[in-house]
Amino acid sequence: MLHLIVTIAILTGCIGLAVYGSWKAGQPWDESNPRIVPWRLVMVLSVFAGILALVHLINLAGLETGPEHSIFGRF
């Protein structure tokens, strides 16, 4: 049960960070206050981590993922 709670918390955090990064990246450019954090990269990395958390959540639900269970099988 703890794995499920932690995975949902990580997924929620990744979604929130992706939305915040998208909002910060969309702000107008201000030359007097340069951006130190690359918000587009933060957004992409948080989406990637969110996808991994979603796959882990699906595995916790009982659906097995991986190349062994793929339509195409292992190459």
PDB file of N, CA and C in Angstrom:
ATOM      1  N   MET A   1       0.816  -1.190   0.000  1.00  0.00           N
ATOM      2  CA  MET A   1       0.000   0.000   0.000  1.00  0.00           C
ATOM      3  C   MET A   1       0.865   1.262   0.000  1.00  0.00           C
ATOM      4  N   LEU A   2       2.011   1.186   0.684  1.00  0.00           N
ATOM      5  CA  LEU A   2       2.893   2.345   0.750  1.00  0.00           C
ATOM      6  C   LEU A   2       3.464   2.680  -0.623  1.00  0.00           C
ATOM      7  N   HIS A   3       3.761   1.645  -1.423  1.00  0.00           N
ATOM      8  CA  HIS A   3       4.275   1.884  -2.776  1.00  0.00           C
ATOM      9  C   HIS A   3       3.261   2.668  -3.609  1.00  0.00           C
ATOM     10  N   LEU A   4       2.012   2.343  -3.447  1.00  0.00           N
ATOM     11  CA  LEU A   4       0.955   3.029  -4.195  1.00  0.00           C
ATOM     12  C   LEU A   4       0.856   4.503  -3.792  1.00  0.00           C
ATOM     13  N   ILE A   5       0.921   4.770  -2.496  1.00  0.00           N
ATOM     14  CA  ILE A   5       0.827   6.150  -2.016  1.00  0.00           C
ATOM     15  C   ILE A   5       2.022   6.968  -2.480  1.00  0.00           C
ATOM     16  N   VAL A   6       3.212   6.406  -2.374  1.00  0.00           N
ATOM     17  CA  VAL A   6       4.423   7.121  -2.787  1.00  0.00           C
ATOM     18  C   VAL A   6       4.411   7.367  -4.292  1.00  0.00           C
ATOM     19  N   THR A   7       3.979   6.381  -5.067  1.00  0.00           N
ATOM     20  CA  THR A   7       3.934   6.544  -6.521  1.00  0.00           C
ATOM     21  C   THR A   7       2.924   7.614  -6.930  1.00  0.00           C
ATOM     22  N   ILE A   8       1.774   7.639  -6.293  1.00  0.00           N
ATOM     23  CA  ILE A   8       0.781   8.668  -6.599  1.00  0.00           C
ATOM     24  C   ILE A   8       1.299  10.046  -6.196  1.00  0.00           C
ATOM     25  N   ALA A   9       2.008  10.131  -5.072  1.00  0.00           N
ATOM     26  CA  ALA A   9       2.580  11.414  -4.647  1.00  0.00           C
ATOM     27  C   ALA A   9       3.642  11.894  -5.632  1.00  0.00           C
ATOM     28  N   ILE A  10       4.484  10.985  -6.106  1.00  0.00           N
ATOM     29  CA  ILE A  10       5.510  11.352  -7.086  1.00  0.00           C
ATOM     30  C   ILE A  10       4.861  11.776  -8.399  1.00  0.00           C
ATOM     31  N   LEU A  11       3.842  11.053  -8.834  1.00  0.00           N
ATOM     32  CA  LEU A  11       3.139  11.403 -10.068  1.00  0.00           C
ATOM     33  C   LEU A  11       2.480  12.778  -9.953  1.00  0.00           C
ATOM     34  N   THR A  12       1.864  13.051  -8.823  1.00  0.00           N
ATOM     35  CA  THR A  12       1.247  14.362  -8.603  1.00  0.00           C
ATOM     36  C   THR A  12       2.297  15.470  -8.591  1.00  0.00           C
ATOM     37  N   GLY A  13       3.429  15.214  -7.945  1.00  0.00           N
ATOM     38  CA  GLY A  13       4.507  16.198  -7.927  1.00  0.00           C
ATOM     39  C   GLY A  13       5.078  16.458  -9.305  1.00  0.00           C
ATOM     40  N   CYS A  14       5.221  15.412 -10.100  1.00  0.00           N
ATOM     41  CA  CYS A  14       5.729  15.576 -11.470  1.00  0.00           C
ATOM     42  C   CYS A  14       4.760  16.382 -12.327  1.00  0.00           C
ATOM     43  N   ILE A  15       3.481  16.116 -12.182  1.00  0.00           N
ATOM     44  CA  ILE A  15       2.485  16.882 -12.942  1.00  0.00           C
ATOM     45  C   ILE A  15       2.513  18.348 -12.517  1.00  0.00           C
ATOM     46  N   GLY A  16       2.582  18.586 -11.220  1.00  0.00           N
ATOM     47  CA  GLY A  16       2.640  19.962 -10.726  1.00  0.00           C
ATOM     48  C   GLY A  16       3.891  20.689 -11.185  1.00  0.00           C
ATOM     49  N   LEU A  17       5.031  20.007 -11.156  1.00  0.00           N
ATOM     50  CA  LEU A  17       6.278  20.622 -11.602  1.00  0.00           C
ATOM     51  C   LEU A  17       6.261  20.888 -13.100  1.00  0.00           C
ATOM     52  N   ALA A  18       5.648  19.999 -13.876  1.00  0.00           N
ATOM     53  CA  ALA A  18       5.546  20.221 -15.323  1.00  0.00           C
ATOM     54  C   ALA A  18       4.657  21.422 -15.630  1.00  0.00           C
ATOM     55  N   VAL A  19       3.554  21.555 -14.911  1.00  0.00           N
ATOM     56  CA  VAL A  19       2.664  22.702 -15.124  1.00  0.00           C
ATOM     57  C   VAL A  19       3.359  23.994 -14.709  1.00  0.00           C
ATOM     58  N   TYR A  20       4.054  23.970 -13.581  1.00  0.00           N
ATOM     59  CA  TYR A  20       4.769  25.164 -13.125  1.00  0.00           C
ATOM     60  C   TYR A  20       5.905  25.528 -14.080  1.00  0.00           C
ATOM     61  N   GLY A  21       6.631  24.521 -14.564  1.00  0.00           N
ATOM     62  CA  GLY A  21       7.698  24.781 -15.528  1.00  0.00           C
ATOM     63  C   GLY A  21       7.168  25.336 -16.837  1.00  0.00           C
ATOM     64  N   SER A  22       6.023  24.846 -17.264  1.00  0.00           N
ATOM     65  CA  SER A  22       5.402  25.372 -18.480  1.00  0.00           C
ATOM     66  C   SER A  22       4.978  26.821 -18.289  1.00  0.00           C
ATOM     67  N   TRP A  23       4.440  27.130 -17.124  1.00  0.00           N
ATOM     68  CA  TRP A  23       4.026  28.502 -16.837  1.00  0.00           C
ATOM     69  C   TRP A  23       5.231  29.437 -16.782  1.00  0.00           C
ATOM     70  N   LYS A  24       6.310  28.992 -16.113  1.00  0.00           N
ATOM     71  CA  LYS A  24       7.505  29.833 -16.003  1.00  0.00           C
ATOM     72  C   LYS A  24       8.192  30.006 -17.355  1.00  0.00           C
ATOM     73  N   ALA A  25       8.187  28.967 -18.191  1.00  0.00           N
ATOM     74  CA  ALA A  25       8.821  29.066 -19.509  1.00  0.00           C
ATOM     75  C   ALA A  25       8.032  29.983 -20.432  1.00  0.00           C
ATOM     76  N   GLY A  26       6.748  30.137 -20.185  1.00  0.00           N
ATOM     77  CA  GLY A  26       5.913  30.975 -21.031  1.00  0.00           C
ATOM     78  C   GLY A  26       5.889  32.439 -20.636  1.00  0.00           C
ATOM     79  N   GLN A  27       6.585  32.776 -19.564  1.00  0.00           N
ATOM     80  CA  GLN A  27       6.643  34.177 -19.137  1.00  0.00           C
ATOM     81  C   GLN A  27       7.410  35.007 -20.162  1.00  0.00           C
ATOM     82  N   PRO A  28       7.063  36.265 -20.330  1.00  0.00           N
ATOM     83  CA  PRO A  28       7.809  37.102 -21.274  1.00  0.00           C
ATOM     84  C   PRO A  28       9.253  37.299 -20.827  1.00  0.00           C
ATOM     85  N   TRP A  29      10.128  37.455 -21.814  1.00  0.00           N
ATOM     86  CA  TRP A  29      11.558  37.583 -21.563  1.00  0.00           C
ATOM     87  C   TRP A  29      11.866  38.942 -20.949  1.00  0.00           C
ATOM     88  N   ASP A  30      12.644  38.937 -19.876  1.00  0.00           N
ATOM     89  CA  ASP A  30      13.058  40.172 -19.214  1.00  0.00           C
ATOM     90  C   ASP A  30      14.579  40.172 -19.141  1.00  0.00           C
ATOM     91  N   GLU A  31      15.217  41.071 -19.883  1.00  0.00           N
ATOM     92  CA  GLU A  31      16.679  41.086 -19.945  1.00  0.00           C
ATOM     93  C   GLU A  31      17.316  41.538 -18.641  1.00  0.00           C
ATOM     94  N   SER A  32      16.611  42.305 -17.842  1.00  0.00           N
ATOM     95  CA  SER A  32      17.186  42.756 -16.576  1.00  0.00           C
ATOM     96  C   SER A  32      17.185  41.651 -15.524  1.00  0.00           C
ATOM     97  N   ASN A  33      16.348  40.647 -15.711  1.00  0.00           N
ATOM     98  CA  ASN A  33      16.267  39.531 -14.776  1.00  0.00           C
ATOM     99  C   ASN A  33      16.420  38.231 -15.567  1.00  0.00           C
ATOM    100  N   PRO A  34      17.660  37.761 -15.808  1.00  0.00           N
ATOM    101  CA  PRO A  34      17.845  36.579 -16.651  1.00  0.00           C
ATOM    102  C   PRO A  34      17.358  35.305 -15.954  1.00  0.00           C
ATOM    103  N   ARG A  35      16.975  34.349 -16.762  1.00  0.00           N
ATOM    104  CA  ARG A  35      16.521  33.058 -16.233  1.00  0.00           C
ATOM    105  C   ARG A  35      17.743  32.221 -15.871  1.00  0.00           C
ATOM    106  N   ILE A  36      17.784  31.753 -14.658  1.00  0.00           N
ATOM    107  CA  ILE A  36      18.888  30.916 -14.208  1.00  0.00           C
ATOM    108  C   ILE A  36      18.514  29.442 -14.367  1.00  0.00           C
ATOM    109  N   VAL A  37      17.255  29.132 -14.172  1.00  0.00           N
ATOM    110  CA  VAL A  37      16.770  27.753 -14.282  1.00  0.00           C
ATOM    111  C   VAL A  37      16.209  27.540 -15.683  1.00  0.00           C
ATOM    112  N   PRO A  38      16.677  26.493 -16.397  1.00  0.00           N
ATOM    113  CA  PRO A  38      16.103  26.209 -17.724  1.00  0.00           C
ATOM    114  C   PRO A  38      14.742  25.520 -17.572  1.00  0.00           C
ATOM    115  N   TRP A  39      13.672  26.290 -17.582  1.00  0.00           N
ATOM    116  CA  TRP A  39      12.349  25.765 -17.252  1.00  0.00           C
ATOM    117  C   TRP A  39      11.828  24.780 -18.280  1.00  0.00           C
ATOM    118  N   ARG A  40      12.216  24.904 -19.530  1.00  0.00           N
ATOM    119  CA  ARG A  40      11.775  23.928 -20.533  1.00  0.00           C
ATOM    120  C   ARG A  40      12.385  22.560 -20.248  1.00  0.00           C
ATOM    121  N   LEU A  41      13.651  22.540 -19.839  1.00  0.00           N
ATOM    122  CA  LEU A  41      14.298  21.277 -19.482  1.00  0.00           C
ATOM    123  C   LEU A  41      13.662  20.683 -18.228  1.00  0.00           C
ATOM    124  N   VAL A  42      13.355  21.515 -17.257  1.00  0.00           N
ATOM    125  CA  VAL A  42      12.677  21.047 -16.044  1.00  0.00           C
ATOM    126  C   VAL A  42      11.333  20.429 -16.404  1.00  0.00           C
ATOM    127  N   MET A  43      10.621  21.064 -17.320  1.00  0.00           N
ATOM    128  CA  MET A  43       9.317  20.565 -17.743  1.00  0.00           C
ATOM    129  C   MET A  43       9.454  19.199 -18.428  1.00  0.00           C
ATOM    130  N   VAL A  44      10.414  19.073 -19.335  1.00  0.00           N
ATOM    131  CA  VAL A  44      10.595  17.814 -20.065  1.00  0.00           C
ATOM    132  C   VAL A  44      11.015  16.694 -19.118  1.00  0.00           C
ATOM    133  N   LEU A  45      11.933  16.980 -18.210  1.00  0.00           N
ATOM    134  CA  LEU A  45      12.387  15.950 -17.275  1.00  0.00           C
ATOM    135  C   LEU A  45      11.286  15.536 -16.302  1.00  0.00           C
ATOM    136  N   SER A  46      10.458  16.468 -15.888  1.00  0.00           N
ATOM    137  CA  SER A  46       9.366  16.100 -14.988  1.00  0.00           C
ATOM    138  C   SER A  46       8.288  15.295 -15.717  1.00  0.00           C
ATOM    139  N   VAL A  47       8.059  15.586 -16.991  1.00  0.00           N
ATOM    140  CA  VAL A  47       7.120  14.770 -17.773  1.00  0.00           C
ATOM    141  C   VAL A  47       7.668  13.356 -17.936  1.00  0.00           C
ATOM    142  N   PHE A  48       8.975  13.239 -18.186  1.00  0.00           N
ATOM    143  CA  PHE A  48       9.598  11.917 -18.309  1.00  0.00           C
ATOM    144  C   PHE A  48       9.474  11.129 -17.004  1.00  0.00           C
ATOM    145  N   ALA A  49       9.769  11.781 -15.882  1.00  0.00           N
ATOM    146  CA  ALA A  49       9.640  11.112 -14.586  1.00  0.00           C
ATOM    147  C   ALA A  49       8.181  10.758 -14.298  1.00  0.00           C
ATOM    148  N   GLY A  50       7.257  11.602 -14.732  1.00  0.00           N
ATOM    149  CA  GLY A  50       5.836  11.306 -14.552  1.00  0.00           C
ATOM    150  C   GLY A  50       5.392  10.097 -15.357  1.00  0.00           C
ATOM    151  N   ILE A  51       5.935   9.956 -16.565  1.00  0.00           N
ATOM    152  CA  ILE A  51       5.611   8.778 -17.381  1.00  0.00           C
ATOM    153  C   ILE A  51       6.146   7.516 -16.717  1.00  0.00           C
ATOM    154  N   LEU A  52       7.357   7.593 -16.172  1.00  0.00           N
ATOM    155  CA  LEU A  52       7.905   6.438 -15.456  1.00  0.00           C
ATOM    156  C   LEU A  52       7.054   6.098 -14.230  1.00  0.00           C
ATOM    157  N   ALA A  53       6.599   7.108 -13.508  1.00  0.00           N
ATOM    158  CA  ALA A  53       5.742   6.867 -12.347  1.00  0.00           C
ATOM    159  C   ALA A  53       4.401   6.282 -12.771  1.00  0.00           C
ATOM    160  N   LEU A  54       3.873   6.723 -13.907  1.00  0.00           N
ATOM    161  CA  LEU A  54       2.611   6.179 -14.404  1.00  0.00           C
ATOM    162  C   LEU A  54       2.757   4.708 -14.788  1.00  0.00           C
ATOM    163  N   VAL A  55       3.861   4.360 -15.426  1.00  0.00           N
ATOM    164  CA  VAL A  55       4.110   2.951 -15.770  1.00  0.00           C
ATOM    165  C   VAL A  55       4.255   2.124 -14.498  1.00  0.00           C
ATOM    166  N   HIS A  56       4.930   2.669 -13.494  1.00  0.00           N
ATOM    167  CA  HIS A  56       5.062   1.959 -12.223  1.00  0.00           C
ATOM    168  C   HIS A  56       3.699   1.776 -11.553  1.00  0.00           C
ATOM    169  N   LEU A  57       2.851   2.788 -11.644  1.00  0.00           N
ATOM    170  CA  LEU A  57       1.503   2.695 -11.084  1.00  0.00           C
ATOM    171  C   LEU A  57       0.687   1.621 -11.802  1.00  0.00           C
ATOM    172  N   ILE A  58       0.837   1.529 -13.108  1.00  0.00           N
ATOM    173  CA  ILE A  58       0.151   0.488 -13.878  1.00  0.00           C
ATOM    174  C   ILE A  58       0.655  -0.893 -13.471  1.00  0.00           C
ATOM    175  N   ASN A  59       1.973  -1.014 -13.250  1.00  0.00           N
ATOM    176  CA  ASN A  59       2.518  -2.287 -12.793  1.00  0.00           C
ATOM    177  C   ASN A  59       2.013  -2.644 -11.401  1.00  0.00           C
ATOM    178  N   LEU A  60       1.871  -1.657 -10.531  1.00  0.00           N
ATOM    179  CA  LEU A  60       1.332  -1.925  -9.195  1.00  0.00           C
ATOM    180  C   LEU A  60      -0.126  -2.359  -9.252  1.00  0.00           C
ATOM    181  N   ALA A  61      -0.855  -1.894 -10.277  1.00  0.00           N
ATOM    182  CA  ALA A  61      -2.261  -2.277 -10.428  1.00  0.00           C
ATOM    183  C   ALA A  61      -2.415  -3.713 -10.919  1.00  0.00           C
ATOM    184  N   GLY A  62      -1.322  -4.316 -11.384  1.00  0.00           N
ATOM    185  CA  GLY A  62      -1.383  -5.710 -11.788  1.00  0.00           C
ATOM    186  C   GLY A  62      -1.183  -5.959 -13.262  1.00  0.00           C
ATOM    187  N   LEU A  63      -1.164  -4.929 -14.073  1.00  0.00           N
ATOM    188  CA  LEU A  63      -0.933  -5.090 -15.499  1.00  0.00           C
ATOM    189  C   LEU A  63       0.567  -5.104 -15.740  1.00  0.00           C
ATOM    190  N   GLU A  64       1.060  -6.187 -16.305  1.00  0.00           N
ATOM    191  CA  GLU A  64       2.498  -6.307 -16.512  1.00  0.00           C
ATOM    192  C   GLU A  64       2.897  -5.618 -17.806  1.00  0.00           C
ATOM    193  N   THR A  65       3.938  -4.809 -17.727  1.00  0.00           N
ATOM    194  CA  THR A  65       4.468  -4.125 -18.899  1.00  0.00           C
ATOM    195  C   THR A  65       5.872  -4.636 -19.164  1.00  0.00           C
ATOM    196  N   GLY A  66       6.374  -4.336 -20.315  1.00  0.00           N
ATOM    197  CA  GLY A  66       7.722  -4.744 -20.676  1.00  0.00           C
ATOM    198  C   GLY A  66       7.738  -5.408 -22.026  1.00  0.00           C
ATOM    199  N   PRO A  67       8.931  -5.671 -22.548  1.00  0.00           N
ATOM    200  CA  PRO A  67       9.028  -6.234 -23.891  1.00  0.00           C
ATOM    201  C   PRO A  67       8.487  -7.660 -23.999  1.00  0.00           C
ATOM    202  N   GLU A  68       8.457  -8.398 -22.894  1.00  0.00           N
ATOM    203  CA  GLU A  68       7.945  -9.773 -22.962  1.00  0.00           C
ATOM    204  C   GLU A  68       6.447  -9.793 -23.244  1.00  0.00           C
ATOM    205  N   HIS A  69       5.740  -8.743 -22.842  1.00  0.00           N
ATOM    206  CA  HIS A  69       4.291  -8.686 -22.982  1.00  0.00           C
ATOM    207  C   HIS A  69       3.858  -7.757 -24.106  1.00  0.00           C
ATOM    208  N   SER A  70       4.798  -7.366 -24.943  1.00  0.00           N
ATOM    209  CA  SER A  70       4.506  -6.446 -26.034  1.00  0.00           C
ATOM    210  C   SER A  70       3.864  -7.184 -27.200  1.00  0.00           C
ATOM    211  N   ILE A  71       3.221  -6.432 -28.068  1.00  0.00           N
ATOM    212  CA  ILE A  71       2.625  -7.007 -29.273  1.00  0.00           C
ATOM    213  C   ILE A  71       3.715  -7.586 -30.165  1.00  0.00           C
ATOM    214  N   PHE A  72       4.832  -6.882 -30.231  1.00  0.00           N
ATOM    215  CA  PHE A  72       5.916  -7.279 -31.122  1.00  0.00           C
ATOM    216  C   PHE A  72       6.899  -8.240 -30.470  1.00  0.00           C
ATOM    217  N   GLY A  73       6.827  -8.430 -29.171  1.00  0.00           N
ATOM    218  CA  GLY A  73       7.757  -9.301 -28.474  1.00  0.00           C
ATOM    219  C   GLY A  73       9.139  -8.693 -28.400  1.00  0.00           C
ATOM    220  N   ARG A  74      10.107  -9.519 -28.051  1.00  0.00           N
ATOM    221  CA  ARG A  74      11.498  -9.039 -28.005  1.00  0.00           C
ATOM    222  C   ARG A  74      12.078  -9.051 -29.399  1.00  0.00           C
ATOM    223  N   PHE A  75      12.907  -8.049 -29.671  1.00  0.00           N
ATOM    224  CA  PHE A  75      13.549  -7.988 -30.982  1.00  0.00           C
ATOM    225  C   PHE A  75      14.829  -8.760 -30.970  1.00  0.00           C
TER     226      PHE A  75
END
